[in-house]
């Protein structure tokens, strides 16, 4: 595939989004992050980052406070949901 190099300026929010795409391993570098945004759209890219941030907050909370208490009858609830 033949490619072209294009220099461009982006606003601060797009720059932050590019950095987050790299942080969450959705892109390996800034060029891949920009391609991700171009192919999937800005909205999809933001949605993916928000989903990863939510998961990170959830995991951080569990690391600080421990895992949430599960119901004692969890097995029975699981079986009932399958019926």
Protein backbone atom coordinates (compact mmCIF):
# COMPACT_ATOMS: atom_id res chain seq x y z
CA UNK A 1 0.00 0.00 0.00
CA UNK A 2 1.39 3.37 -0.98
CA UNK A 3 1.03 6.04 1.68
CA UNK A 4 1.51 9.77 1.93
CA UNK A 5 2.77 11.82 4.85
CA UNK A 6 0.51 14.68 5.90
CA UNK A 7 1.35 17.15 8.67
CA UNK A 8 -1.68 18.45 10.48
CA UNK A 9 -2.74 20.36 13.57
CA UNK A 10 -5.52 19.06 15.77
CA UNK A 11 -7.42 20.66 18.63
CA UNK A 12 -6.64 19.82 22.25
CA UNK A 13 -9.53 17.35 22.69
CA UNK A 14 -8.52 15.38 19.57
CA UNK A 15 -4.91 15.38 20.74
CA UNK A 16 -6.01 13.97 24.09
CA UNK A 17 -8.12 11.34 22.33
CA UNK A 18 -5.10 10.28 20.24
CA UNK A 19 -3.02 9.90 23.41
CA UNK A 20 -5.75 7.82 25.06
CA UNK A 21 -6.10 5.56 22.01
CA UNK A 22 -2.39 4.81 22.37
CA UNK A 23 -2.62 4.43 26.18
CA UNK A 24 -5.40 1.83 25.91
CA UNK A 25 -3.59 -0.04 23.10
CA UNK A 26 -6.24 0.74 20.51
CA UNK A 27 -3.44 2.22 18.40
CA UNK A 28 0.30 1.72 18.48
CA UNK A 29 1.29 5.29 17.65
CA UNK A 30 -0.22 8.63 16.72
CA UNK A 31 -0.42 7.82 13.01
CA UNK A 32 -2.39 4.65 13.77
CA UNK A 33 -4.62 6.60 16.16
CA UNK A 34 -5.45 9.16 13.49
CA UNK A 35 -6.19 6.33 11.01
CA UNK A 36 -8.44 4.72 13.65
CA UNK A 37 -10.36 7.98 14.02
CA UNK A 38 -10.60 8.47 10.25
CA UNK A 39 -11.82 4.92 9.58
CA UNK A 40 -14.15 4.47 12.55
CA UNK A 41 -15.20 8.11 13.20
CA UNK A 42 -14.51 10.44 16.07
CA UNK A 43 -17.62 9.26 17.94
CA UNK A 44 -16.66 5.58 17.83
CA UNK A 45 -13.11 6.40 18.95
CA UNK A 46 -14.45 8.42 21.90
CA UNK A 47 -16.84 5.61 22.79
CA UNK A 48 -14.03 3.05 22.85
CA UNK A 49 -11.89 5.28 25.07
CA UNK A 50 -14.82 5.96 27.43
CA UNK A 51 -15.49 2.23 27.70
CA UNK A 52 -11.85 1.55 28.58
CA UNK A 53 -11.80 4.41 31.10
CA UNK A 54 -14.93 3.07 32.79
CA UNK A 55 -13.37 -0.38 33.05
CA UNK A 56 -10.17 1.14 34.46
CA UNK A 57 -12.15 3.05 37.13
CA UNK A 58 -14.05 -0.11 38.05
CA UNK A 59 -10.85 -2.14 38.39
CA UNK A 60 -9.18 0.62 40.41
CA UNK A 61 -12.13 0.68 42.78
CA UNK A 62 -11.89 -3.08 43.26
CA UNK A 63 -8.16 -2.81 43.89
CA UNK A 64 -8.73 -0.19 46.60
CA UNK A 65 -11.83 -1.63 48.29
CA UNK A 66 -11.76 -5.30 47.28
CA UNK A 67 -14.24 -7.22 45.19
CA UNK A 68 -17.94 -6.62 45.83
CA UNK A 69 -19.81 -9.12 47.99
CA UNK A 70 -21.67 -11.68 45.93
CA UNK A 71 -25.04 -13.11 46.97
CA UNK A 72 -24.80 -16.36 48.95
CA UNK A 73 -27.31 -17.99 46.59
CA UNK A 74 -25.52 -16.91 43.41
CA UNK A 75 -25.50 -20.43 42.01
CA UNK A 76 -29.26 -20.75 42.47
CA UNK A 77 -29.81 -17.32 40.85
CA UNK A 78 -27.67 -18.34 37.87
CA UNK A 79 -29.61 -21.57 37.42
CA UNK A 80 -32.95 -19.72 37.62
CA UNK A 81 -31.81 -17.20 34.95
CA UNK A 82 -31.02 -20.08 32.58
CA UNK A 83 -34.55 -21.51 32.79
